[in-house]
């Protein structure tokens, strides 16, 4: 059987201070999120997406994540692990939350 999300993605997001579920305030820092995903290399050498500021940003590939509520900011650092081996370390260039999945361009 083929796994839809065979890779493991670690996404590090810089956050300011926040209030936890128990009501206590926590100082800002880096939060690690671990998600199942699928990394696919873009087949053309010069692939670009339009960034948040309207400029063209060069990308290497897309990480598909299962549908969910969590949003990842542009600039978040990430690592993709496949079969226990790190295959990519980069930053998020664009994020999109669709009806069926979420996508991160790297």
PDB file of N, CA and C in Angstrom:
ATOM      1  N   UNK A   1       0.835  -1.187   0.000  1.00  0.00           N
ATOM      2  CA  UNK A   1       0.000   0.000   0.000  1.00  0.00           C
ATOM      3  C   UNK A   1       0.878   1.247   0.000  1.00  0.00           C
ATOM      4  N   UNK A   2       0.502   2.221  -0.775  1.00  0.00           N
ATOM      5  CA  UNK A   2       1.257   3.462  -0.893  1.00  0.00           C
ATOM      6  C   UNK A   2       0.783   4.443   0.178  1.00  0.00           C
ATOM      7  N   UNK A   3       1.723   5.038   0.901  1.00  0.00           N
ATOM      8  CA  UNK A   3       1.385   6.022   1.933  1.00  0.00           C
ATOM      9  C   UNK A   3       1.216   7.392   1.281  1.00  0.00           C
ATOM     10  N   UNK A   4       0.141   8.075   1.634  1.00  0.00           N
ATOM     11  CA  UNK A   4      -0.102   9.399   1.063  1.00  0.00           C
ATOM     12  C   UNK A   4       0.893  10.427   1.599  1.00  0.00           C
ATOM     13  N   UNK A   5       1.275  10.283   2.863  1.00  0.00           N
ATOM     14  CA  UNK A   5       2.216  11.211   3.487  1.00  0.00           C
ATOM     15  C   UNK A   5       3.368  10.413   4.103  1.00  0.00           C
ATOM     16  N   UNK A   6       4.336   9.985   3.273  1.00  0.00           N
ATOM     17  CA  UNK A   6       5.406   9.105   3.753  1.00  0.00           C
ATOM     18  C   UNK A   6       6.533   9.816   4.502  1.00  0.00           C
ATOM     19  N   UNK A   7       6.609  11.127   4.387  1.00  0.00           N
ATOM     20  CA  UNK A   7       7.710  11.874   4.995  1.00  0.00           C
ATOM     21  C   UNK A   7       7.295  12.441   6.349  1.00  0.00           C
ATOM     22  N   UNK A   8       8.296  12.855   7.091  1.00  0.00           N
ATOM     23  CA  UNK A   8       8.112  13.441   8.408  1.00  0.00           C
ATOM     24  C   UNK A   8       8.694  14.845   8.324  1.00  0.00           C
ATOM     25  N   UNK A   9       7.932  15.862   8.687  1.00  0.00           N
ATOM     26  CA  UNK A   9       8.373  17.248   8.542  1.00  0.00           C
ATOM     27  C   UNK A   9       8.460  17.894   9.918  1.00  0.00           C
ATOM     28  N   UNK A  10       9.609  18.501  10.212  1.00  0.00           N
ATOM     29  CA  UNK A  10       9.791  19.251  11.451  1.00  0.00           C
ATOM     30  C   UNK A  10       9.840  20.722  11.062  1.00  0.00           C
ATOM     31  N   UNK A  11       8.916  21.508  11.609  1.00  0.00           N
ATOM     32  CA  UNK A  11       8.815  22.924  11.268  1.00  0.00           C
ATOM     33  C   UNK A  11       9.062  23.735  12.532  1.00  0.00           C
ATOM     34  N   UNK A  12      10.016  24.652  12.457  1.00  0.00           N
ATOM     35  CA  UNK A  12      10.369  25.492  13.600  1.00  0.00           C
ATOM     36  C   UNK A  12       9.831  26.897  13.354  1.00  0.00           C
ATOM     37  N   UNK A  13       8.996  27.360  14.295  1.00  0.00           N
ATOM     38  CA  UNK A  13       8.340  28.658  14.155  1.00  0.00           C
ATOM     39  C   UNK A  13       8.738  29.557  15.320  1.00  0.00           C
ATOM     40  N   UNK A  14       9.225  30.762  15.020  1.00  0.00           N
ATOM     41  CA  UNK A  14       9.567  31.759  16.030  1.00  0.00           C
ATOM     42  C   UNK A  14       8.277  32.424  16.505  1.00  0.00           C
ATOM     43  N   UNK A  15       8.038  32.424  17.813  1.00  0.00           N
ATOM     44  CA  UNK A  15       6.813  33.023  18.352  1.00  0.00           C
ATOM     45  C   UNK A  15       7.145  34.007  19.458  1.00  0.00           C
ATOM     46  N   UNK A  16       6.238  34.959  19.657  1.00  0.00           N
ATOM     47  CA  UNK A  16       6.340  35.871  20.783  1.00  0.00           C
ATOM     48  C   UNK A  16       5.735  35.212  22.013  1.00  0.00           C
ATOM     49  N   UNK A  17       5.589  35.946  23.103  1.00  0.00           N
ATOM     50  CA  UNK A  17       4.993  35.355  24.299  1.00  0.00           C
ATOM     51  C   UNK A  17       3.551  34.948  24.004  1.00  0.00           C
ATOM     52  N   UNK A  18       3.107  33.892  24.669  1.00  0.00           N
ATOM     53  CA  UNK A  18       1.761  33.380  24.425  1.00  0.00           C
ATOM     54  C   UNK A  18       1.197  32.780  25.709  1.00  0.00           C
ATOM     55  N   UNK A  19      -0.130  32.694  25.758  1.00  0.00           N
ATOM     56  CA  UNK A  19      -0.809  32.129  26.915  1.00  0.00           C
ATOM     57  C   UNK A  19      -1.126  30.664  26.635  1.00  0.00           C
ATOM     58  N   UNK A  20      -0.672  29.776  27.504  1.00  0.00           N
ATOM     59  CA  UNK A  20      -0.894  28.349  27.334  1.00  0.00           C
ATOM     60  C   UNK A  20      -2.326  27.953  27.647  1.00  0.00           C
ATOM     61  N   UNK A  21      -2.654  26.697  27.395  1.00  0.00           N
ATOM     62  CA  UNK A  21      -4.006  26.205  27.630  1.00  0.00           C
ATOM     63  C   UNK A  21      -4.387  26.267  29.098  1.00  0.00           C
ATOM     64  N   UNK A  22      -3.404  26.193  29.988  1.00  0.00           N
ATOM     65  CA  UNK A  22      -3.696  26.259  31.418  1.00  0.00           C
ATOM     66  C   UNK A  22      -3.764  27.689  31.936  1.00  0.00           C
ATOM     67  N   UNK A  23      -3.584  28.677  31.055  1.00  0.00           N
ATOM     68  CA  UNK A  23      -3.711  30.084  31.432  1.00  0.00           C
ATOM     69  C   UNK A  23      -2.412  30.765  31.800  1.00  0.00           C
ATOM     70  N   UNK A  24      -1.314  30.034  31.918  1.00  0.00           N
ATOM     71  CA  UNK A  24      -0.041  30.664  32.269  1.00  0.00           C
ATOM     72  C   UNK A  24       0.615  31.259  31.028  1.00  0.00           C
ATOM     73  N   UNK A  25       1.343  32.349  31.236  1.00  0.00           N
ATOM     74  CA  UNK A  25       2.039  32.997  30.130  1.00  0.00           C
ATOM     75  C   UNK A  25       3.408  32.370  29.942  1.00  0.00           C
ATOM     76  N   UNK A  26       3.772  32.158  28.703  1.00  0.00           N
ATOM     77  CA  UNK A  26       5.058  31.571  28.348  1.00  0.00           C
ATOM     78  C   UNK A  26       5.868  32.581  27.547  1.00  0.00           C
ATOM     79  N   UNK A  27       7.194  32.638  27.793  1.00  0.00           N
ATOM     80  CA  UNK A  27       8.016  33.576  27.013  1.00  0.00           C
ATOM     81  C   UNK A  27       8.096  33.133  25.562  1.00  0.00           C
ATOM     82  N   UNK A  28       8.434  34.059  24.710  1.00  0.00           N
ATOM     83  CA  UNK A  28       8.597  33.728  23.300  1.00  0.00           C
ATOM     84  C   UNK A  28       9.770  32.800  23.084  1.00  0.00           C
ATOM     85  N   UNK A  29       9.854  32.256  21.903  1.00  0.00           N
ATOM     86  CA  UNK A  29      10.930  31.343  21.573  1.00  0.00           C
ATOM     87  C   UNK A  29      10.607  30.612  20.280  1.00  0.00           C
ATOM     88  N   UNK A  30      11.228  29.474  20.105  1.00  0.00           N
ATOM     89  CA  UNK A  30      11.007  28.668  18.908  1.00  0.00           C
ATOM     90  C   UNK A  30      10.156  27.456  19.288  1.00  0.00           C
ATOM     91  N   UNK A  31       9.066  27.261  18.564  1.00  0.00           N
ATOM     92  CA  UNK A  31       8.218  26.090  18.760  1.00  0.00           C
ATOM     93  C   UNK A  31       8.475  25.106  17.629  1.00  0.00           C
ATOM     94  N   UNK A  32       8.591  23.838  17.978  1.00  0.00           N
ATOM     95  CA  UNK A  32       8.767  22.769  16.981  1.00  0.00           C
ATOM     96  C   UNK A  32       7.433  22.086  16.741  1.00  0.00           C
ATOM     97  N   UNK A  33       7.062  21.972  15.477  1.00  0.00           N
ATOM     98  CA  UNK A  33       5.855  21.241  15.092  1.00  0.00           C
ATOM     99  C   UNK A  33       6.290  20.060  14.248  1.00  0.00           C
ATOM    100  N   UNK A  34       5.716  18.910  14.520  1.00  0.00           N
ATOM    101  CA  UNK A  34       6.031  17.703  13.762  1.00  0.00           C
ATOM    102  C   UNK A  34       4.780  17.261  13.022  1.00  0.00           C
ATOM    103  N   UNK A  35       4.919  17.097  11.716  1.00  0.00           N
ATOM    104  CA  UNK A  35       3.775  16.752  10.861  1.00  0.00           C
ATOM    105  C   UNK A  35       4.177  15.642   9.890  1.00  0.00           C
ATOM    106  N   UNK A  36       3.236  14.822   9.522  1.00  0.00           N
ATOM    107  CA  UNK A  36       3.445  13.904   8.407  1.00  0.00           C
ATOM    108  C   UNK A  36       3.247  14.708   7.136  1.00  0.00           C
ATOM    109  N   UNK A  37       3.971  14.380   6.094  1.00  0.00           N
ATOM    110  CA  UNK A  37       3.848  15.121   4.842  1.00  0.00           C
ATOM    111  C   UNK A  37       4.432  14.344   3.680  1.00  0.00           C
ATOM    112  N   UNK A  38       4.448  15.002   2.531  1.00  0.00           N
ATOM    113  CA  UNK A  38       5.044  14.425   1.326  1.00  0.00           C
ATOM    114  C   UNK A  38       5.787  15.528   0.589  1.00  0.00           C
ATOM    115  N   UNK A  39       7.087  15.363   0.433  1.00  0.00           N
ATOM    116  CA  UNK A  39       7.903  16.341  -0.290  1.00  0.00           C
ATOM    117  C   UNK A  39       8.039  15.900  -1.735  1.00  0.00           C
ATOM    118  N   UNK A  40       7.783  16.825  -2.653  1.00  0.00           N
ATOM    119  CA  UNK A  40       7.950  16.555  -4.074  1.00  0.00           C
ATOM    120  C   UNK A  40       8.803  17.656  -4.686  1.00  0.00           C
ATOM    121  N   UNK A  41       9.820  17.250  -5.422  1.00  0.00           N
ATOM    122  CA  UNK A  41      10.683  18.199  -6.120  1.00  0.00           C
ATOM    123  C   UNK A  41       9.921  18.739  -7.326  1.00  0.00           C
ATOM    124  N   UNK A  42      10.044  20.032  -7.571  1.00  0.00           N
ATOM    125  CA  UNK A  42       9.419  20.622  -8.751  1.00  0.00           C
ATOM    126  C   UNK A  42      10.280  20.261  -9.956  1.00  0.00           C
ATOM    127  N   UNK A  43       9.658  19.789 -11.019  1.00  0.00           N
ATOM    128  CA  UNK A  43      10.361  19.222 -12.162  1.00  0.00           C
ATOM    129  C   UNK A  43      11.134  20.190 -13.031  1.00  0.00           C
ATOM    130  N   UNK A  44      10.943  21.482 -12.870  1.00  0.00           N
ATOM    131  CA  UNK A  44      11.687  22.426 -13.699  1.00  0.00           C
ATOM    132  C   UNK A  44      12.733  23.136 -12.851  1.00  0.00           C
ATOM    133  N   UNK A  45      13.813  23.552 -13.489  1.00  0.00           N
ATOM    134  CA  UNK A  45      14.934  24.120 -12.747  1.00  0.00           C
ATOM    135  C   UNK A  45      14.616  25.506 -12.181  1.00  0.00           C
ATOM    136  N   UNK A  46      13.961  26.345 -12.939  1.00  0.00           N
ATOM    137  CA  UNK A  46      13.671  27.703 -12.485  1.00  0.00           C
ATOM    138  C   UNK A  46      12.189  27.847 -12.181  1.00  0.00           C
ATOM    139  N   UNK A  47      11.761  27.338 -11.022  1.00  0.00           N
ATOM    140  CA  UNK A  47      10.367  27.442 -10.601  1.00  0.00           C
ATOM    141  C   UNK A  47      10.234  28.600  -9.618  1.00  0.00           C
ATOM    142  N   UNK A  48       9.186  29.389  -9.799  1.00  0.00           N
ATOM    143  CA  UNK A  48       8.960  30.555  -8.956  1.00  0.00           C
ATOM    144  C   UNK A  48       7.514  30.580  -8.473  1.00  0.00           C
ATOM    145  N   UNK A  49       7.317  31.172  -7.283  1.00  0.00           N
ATOM    146  CA  UNK A  49       5.983  31.476  -6.784  1.00  0.00           C
ATOM    147  C   UNK A  49       5.972  32.952  -6.405  1.00  0.00           C
ATOM    148  N   UNK A  50       4.796  33.530  -6.334  1.00  0.00           N
ATOM    149  CA  UNK A  50       4.671  34.919  -5.917  1.00  0.00           C
ATOM    150  C   UNK A  50       4.636  34.966  -4.400  1.00  0.00           C
ATOM    151  N   UNK A  51       5.575  35.680  -3.812  1.00  0.00           N
ATOM    152  CA  UNK A  51       5.676  35.788  -2.361  1.00  0.00           C
ATOM    153  C   UNK A  51       4.643  36.742  -1.789  1.00  0.00           C
ATOM    154  N   UNK A  52       4.644  36.880  -0.466  1.00  0.00           N
ATOM    155  CA  UNK A  52       3.685  37.746   0.217  1.00  0.00           C
ATOM    156  C   UNK A  52       3.828  39.208  -0.203  1.00  0.00           C
ATOM    157  N   UNK A  53       5.054  39.617  -0.568  1.00  0.00           N
ATOM    158  CA  UNK A  53       5.293  41.002  -0.962  1.00  0.00           C
ATOM    159  C   UNK A  53       5.103  41.228  -2.461  1.00  0.00           C
ATOM    160  N   UNK A  54       4.665  40.206  -3.198  1.00  0.00           N
ATOM    161  CA  UNK A  54       4.421  40.339  -4.623  1.00  0.00           C
ATOM    162  C   UNK A  54       5.614  40.009  -5.502  1.00  0.00           C
ATOM    163  N   UNK A  55       6.758  39.762  -4.900  1.00  0.00           N
ATOM    164  CA  UNK A  55       7.957  39.422  -5.670  1.00  0.00           C
ATOM    165  C   UNK A  55       7.989  37.936  -6.007  1.00  0.00           C
ATOM    166  N   UNK A  56       8.696  37.613  -7.079  1.00  0.00           N
ATOM    167  CA  UNK A  56       8.873  36.223  -7.480  1.00  0.00           C
ATOM    168  C   UNK A  56       9.961  35.587  -6.612  1.00  0.00           C
ATOM    169  N   UNK A  57       9.662  34.426  -6.036  1.00  0.00           N
ATOM    170  CA  UNK A  57      10.589  33.715  -5.156  1.00  0.00           C
ATOM    171  C   UNK A  57      10.882  32.351  -5.771  1.00  0.00           C
ATOM    172  N   UNK A  58      12.152  32.006  -5.892  1.00  0.00           N
ATOM    173  CA  UNK A  58      12.546  30.707  -6.462  1.00  0.00           C
ATOM    174  C   UNK A  58      12.274  29.601  -5.444  1.00  0.00           C
ATOM    175  N   UNK A  59      11.701  28.500  -5.904  1.00  0.00           N
ATOM    176  CA  UNK A  59      11.392  27.364  -5.035  1.00  0.00           C
ATOM    177  C   UNK A  59      11.968  26.074  -5.598  1.00  0.00           C
ATOM    178  N   UNK A  60      12.215  25.102  -4.707  1.00  0.00           N
ATOM    179  CA  UNK A  60      12.764  23.800  -5.081  1.00  0.00           C
ATOM    180  C   UNK A  60      11.688  22.727  -5.150  1.00  0.00           C
ATOM    181  N   UNK A  61      10.687  22.864  -4.290  1.00  0.00           N
ATOM    182  CA  UNK A  61       9.673  21.818  -4.223  1.00  0.00           C
ATOM    183  C   UNK A  61       8.487  22.229  -3.373  1.00  0.00           C
ATOM    184  N   UNK A  62       7.571  21.279  -3.210  1.00  0.00           N
ATOM    185  CA  UNK A  62       6.351  21.497  -2.425  1.00  0.00           C
ATOM    186  C   UNK A  62       6.256  20.394  -1.388  1.00  0.00           C
ATOM    187  N   UNK A  63       5.860  20.782  -0.182  1.00  0.00           N
ATOM    188  CA  UNK A  63       5.564  19.810   0.857  1.00  0.00           C
ATOM    189  C   UNK A  63       4.052  19.811   1.041  1.00  0.00           C
ATOM    190  N   UNK A  64       3.437  18.658   0.824  1.00  0.00           N
ATOM    191  CA  UNK A  64       1.997  18.501   1.031  1.00  0.00           C
ATOM    192  C   UNK A  64       1.773  17.988   2.444  1.00  0.00           C
ATOM    193  N   UNK A  65       0.876  18.634   3.168  1.00  0.00           N
ATOM    194  CA  UNK A  65       0.532  18.250   4.530  1.00  0.00           C
ATOM    195  C   UNK A  65      -0.951  17.904   4.595  1.00  0.00           C
ATOM    196  N   UNK A  66      -1.351  17.028   5.525  1.00  0.00           N
ATOM    197  CA  UNK A  66      -2.771  16.714   5.652  1.00  0.00           C
ATOM    198  C   UNK A  66      -3.583  17.954   6.021  1.00  0.00           C
ATOM    199  N   UNK A  67      -4.859  17.925   5.700  1.00  0.00           N
ATOM    200  CA  UNK A  67      -5.765  19.019   6.039  1.00  0.00           C
ATOM    201  C   UNK A  67      -5.692  19.271   7.541  1.00  0.00           C
ATOM    202  N   UNK A  68      -5.682  20.522   7.936  1.00  0.00           N
ATOM    203  CA  UNK A  68      -5.608  20.882   9.345  1.00  0.00           C
ATOM    204  C   UNK A  68      -5.782  22.377   9.529  1.00  0.00           C
ATOM    205  N   UNK A  69      -5.811  22.796  10.768  1.00  0.00           N
ATOM    206  CA  UNK A  69      -6.028  24.206  11.088  1.00  0.00           C
ATOM    207  C   UNK A  69      -4.726  24.996  11.218  1.00  0.00           C
ATOM    208  N   UNK A  70      -3.617  24.328  11.520  1.00  0.00           N
ATOM    209  CA  UNK A  70      -2.360  25.019  11.790  1.00  0.00           C
ATOM    210  C   UNK A  70      -1.822  25.694  10.523  1.00  0.00           C
ATOM    211  N   UNK A  71      -1.433  26.946  10.689  1.00  0.00           N
ATOM    212  CA  UNK A  71      -0.862  27.746   9.602  1.00  0.00           C
ATOM    213  C   UNK A  71       0.607  27.989   9.920  1.00  0.00           C
ATOM    214  N   UNK A  72       1.471  27.841   8.920  1.00  0.00           N
ATOM    215  CA  UNK A  72       2.906  28.054   9.120  1.00  0.00           C
ATOM    216  C   UNK A  72       3.335  29.318   8.389  1.00  0.00           C
ATOM    217  N   UNK A  73       4.088  30.191   9.064  1.00  0.00           N
ATOM    218  CA  UNK A  73       4.485  31.458   8.449  1.00  0.00           C
ATOM    219  C   UNK A  73       5.612  31.296   7.433  1.00  0.00           C
ATOM    220  N   UNK A  74       5.641  32.202   6.493  1.00  0.00           N
ATOM    221  CA  UNK A  74       6.750  32.273   5.545  1.00  0.00           C
ATOM    222  C   UNK A  74       8.010  32.561   6.348  1.00  0.00           C
ATOM    223  N   UNK A  75       9.081  31.869   6.037  1.00  0.00           N
ATOM    224  CA  UNK A  75      10.337  32.055   6.751  1.00  0.00           C
ATOM    225  C   UNK A  75      10.579  31.024   7.836  1.00  0.00           C
ATOM    226  N   UNK A  76       9.574  30.217   8.169  1.00  0.00           N
ATOM    227  CA  UNK A  76       9.762  29.162   9.172  1.00  0.00           C
ATOM    228  C   UNK A  76      10.792  28.168   8.644  1.00  0.00           C
ATOM    229  N   UNK A  77      11.709  27.756   9.502  1.00  0.00           N
ATOM    230  CA  UNK A  77      12.701  26.770   9.053  1.00  0.00           C
ATOM    231  C   UNK A  77      12.104  25.380   9.175  1.00  0.00           C
ATOM    232  N   UNK A  78      12.495  24.514   8.262  1.00  0.00           N
ATOM    233  CA  UNK A  78      11.930  23.169   8.270  1.00  0.00           C
ATOM    234  C   UNK A  78      12.935  22.142   7.814  1.00  0.00           C
ATOM    235  N   UNK A  79      12.652  20.909   8.177  1.00  0.00           N
ATOM    236  CA  UNK A  79      13.481  19.772   7.787  1.00  0.00           C
ATOM    237  C   UNK A  79      12.545  18.637   7.392  1.00  0.00           C
ATOM    238  N   UNK A  80      12.864  17.973   6.286  1.00  0.00           N
ATOM    239  CA  UNK A  80      12.076  16.834   5.815  1.00  0.00           C
ATOM    240  C   UNK A  80      12.896  15.576   6.035  1.00  0.00           C
ATOM    241  N   UNK A  81      12.267  14.580   6.672  1.00  0.00           N
ATOM    242  CA  UNK A  81      12.934  13.318   6.956  1.00  0.00           C
ATOM    243  C   UNK A  81      12.190  12.208   6.228  1.00  0.00           C
ATOM    244  N   UNK A  82      12.940  11.415   5.484  1.00  0.00           N
ATOM    245  CA  UNK A  82      12.366  10.283   4.734  1.00  0.00           C
ATOM    246  C   UNK A  82      13.192   9.046   5.057  1.00  0.00           C
ATOM    247  N   UNK A  83      12.526   8.023   5.561  1.00  0.00           N
ATOM    248  CA  UNK A  83      13.221   6.780   5.894  1.00  0.00           C
ATOM    249  C   UNK A  83      14.294   6.962   6.949  1.00  0.00           C
ATOM    250  N   UNK A  84      14.084   7.876   7.894  1.00  0.00           N
ATOM    251  CA  UNK A  84      15.049   8.116   8.957  1.00  0.00           C
ATOM    252  C   UNK A  84      16.217   8.998   8.558  1.00  0.00           C
ATOM    253  N   UNK A  85      16.226   9.510   7.335  1.00  0.00           N
ATOM    254  CA  UNK A  85      17.327  10.319   6.820  1.00  0.00           C
ATOM    255  C   UNK A  85      16.831  11.701   6.413  1.00  0.00           C
ATOM    256  N   UNK A  86      17.563  12.736   6.805  1.00  0.00           N
ATOM    257  CA  UNK A  86      17.198  14.105   6.440  1.00  0.00           C
ATOM    258  C   UNK A  86      17.459  14.317   4.948  1.00  0.00           C
ATOM    259  N   UNK A  87      16.416  14.729   4.196  1.00  0.00           N
ATOM    260  CA  UNK A  87      16.597  14.939   2.756  1.00  0.00           C
ATOM    261  C   UNK A  87      16.515  16.416   2.361  1.00  0.00           C
ATOM    262  N   UNK A  88      16.060  17.273   3.292  1.00  0.00           N
ATOM    263  CA  UNK A  88      15.943  18.695   2.960  1.00  0.00           C
ATOM    264  C   UNK A  88      15.936  19.535   4.226  1.00  0.00           C
ATOM    265  N   UNK A  89      16.702  20.621   4.212  1.00  0.00           N
ATOM    266  CA  UNK A  89      16.647  21.650   5.256  1.00  0.00           C
ATOM    267  C   UNK A  89      16.525  22.966   4.518  1.00  0.00           C
ATOM    268  N   UNK A  90      15.465  23.705   4.797  1.00  0.00           N
ATOM    269  CA  UNK A  90      15.209  24.949   4.068  1.00  0.00           C
ATOM    270  C   UNK A  90      14.236  25.804   4.861  1.00  0.00           C
ATOM    271  N   UNK A  91      13.750  26.877   4.243  1.00  0.00           N
ATOM    272  CA  UNK A  91      12.736  27.727   4.864  1.00  0.00           C
ATOM    273  C   UNK A  91      11.488  27.760   3.989  1.00  0.00           C
ATOM    274  N   UNK A  92      10.365  28.034   4.614  1.00  0.00           N
ATOM    275  CA  UNK A  92       9.093  28.113   3.894  1.00  0.00           C
ATOM    276  C   UNK A  92       9.062  29.394   3.075  1.00  0.00           C
ATOM    277  N   UNK A  93       8.724  29.260   1.790  1.00  0.00           N
ATOM    278  CA  UNK A  93       8.638  30.421   0.894  1.00  0.00           C
ATOM    279  C   UNK A  93       7.190  30.883   0.717  1.00  0.00           C
ATOM    280  N   UNK A  94       6.245  29.941   0.848  1.00  0.00           N
ATOM    281  CA  UNK A  94       4.828  30.256   0.704  1.00  0.00           C
ATOM    282  C   UNK A  94       4.026  29.153   1.378  1.00  0.00           C
ATOM    283  N   UNK A  95       2.871  29.518   1.930  1.00  0.00           N
ATOM    284  CA  UNK A  95       1.986  28.544   2.567  1.00  0.00           C
ATOM    285  C   UNK A  95       0.579  28.722   2.012  1.00  0.00           C
ATOM    286  N   UNK A  96      -0.117  27.593   1.826  1.00  0.00           N
ATOM    287  CA  UNK A  96      -1.504  27.643   1.353  1.00  0.00           C
ATOM    288  C   UNK A  96      -2.298  26.546   2.058  1.00  0.00           C
ATOM    289  N   UNK A  97      -3.428  26.931   2.633  1.00  0.00           N
ATOM    290  CA  UNK A  97      -4.316  25.950   3.246  1.00  0.00           C
ATOM    291  C   UNK A  97      -5.528  25.800   2.349  1.00  0.00           C
ATOM    292  N   UNK A  98      -5.639  24.649   1.711  1.00  0.00           N
ATOM    293  CA  UNK A  98      -6.728  24.386   0.787  1.00  0.00           C
ATOM    294  C   UNK A  98      -7.833  23.568   1.432  1.00  0.00           C
ATOM    295  N   UNK A  99      -8.772  23.175   0.616  1.00  0.00           N
ATOM    296  CA  UNK A  99      -9.914  22.402   1.092  1.00  0.00           C
ATOM    297  C   UNK A  99      -9.523  20.962   1.435  1.00  0.00           C
ATOM    298  N   UNK A 100      -8.559  20.409   0.710  1.00  0.00           N
ATOM    299  CA  UNK A 100      -8.195  19.017   0.898  1.00  0.00           C
ATOM    300  C   UNK A 100      -6.840  18.800   1.576  1.00  0.00           C
ATOM    301  N   UNK A 101      -5.957  19.807   1.529  1.00  0.00           N
ATOM    302  CA  UNK A 101      -4.645  19.663   2.145  1.00  0.00           C
ATOM    303  C   UNK A 101      -4.045  21.055   2.394  1.00  0.00           C
ATOM    304  N   UNK A 102      -2.853  21.047   2.963  1.00  0.00           N
ATOM    305  CA  UNK A 102      -2.076  22.278   3.130  1.00  0.00           C
ATOM    306  C   UNK A 102      -0.782  22.110   2.339  1.00  0.00           C
ATOM    307  N   UNK A 103      -0.233  23.210   1.830  1.00  0.00           N
ATOM    308  CA  UNK A 103       0.988  23.141   1.020  1.00  0.00           C
ATOM    309  C   UNK A 103       2.004  24.169   1.500  1.00  0.00           C
ATOM    310  N   UNK A 104       3.259  23.739   1.526  1.00  0.00           N
ATOM    311  CA  UNK A 104       4.382  24.612   1.846  1.00  0.00           C
ATOM    312  C   UNK A 104       5.347  24.561   0.664  1.00  0.00           C
ATOM    313  N   UNK A 105       5.652  25.698   0.105  1.00  0.00           N
ATOM    314  CA  UNK A 105       6.670  25.765  -0.958  1.00  0.00           C
ATOM    315  C   UNK A 105       8.000  26.060  -0.314  1.00  0.00           C
ATOM    316  N   UNK A 106       9.029  25.332  -0.727  1.00  0.00           N
ATOM    317  CA  UNK A 106      10.375  25.513  -0.152  1.00  0.00           C
ATOM    318  C   UNK A 106      11.381  25.752  -1.270  1.00  0.00           C
TER     319      UNK A 106
END
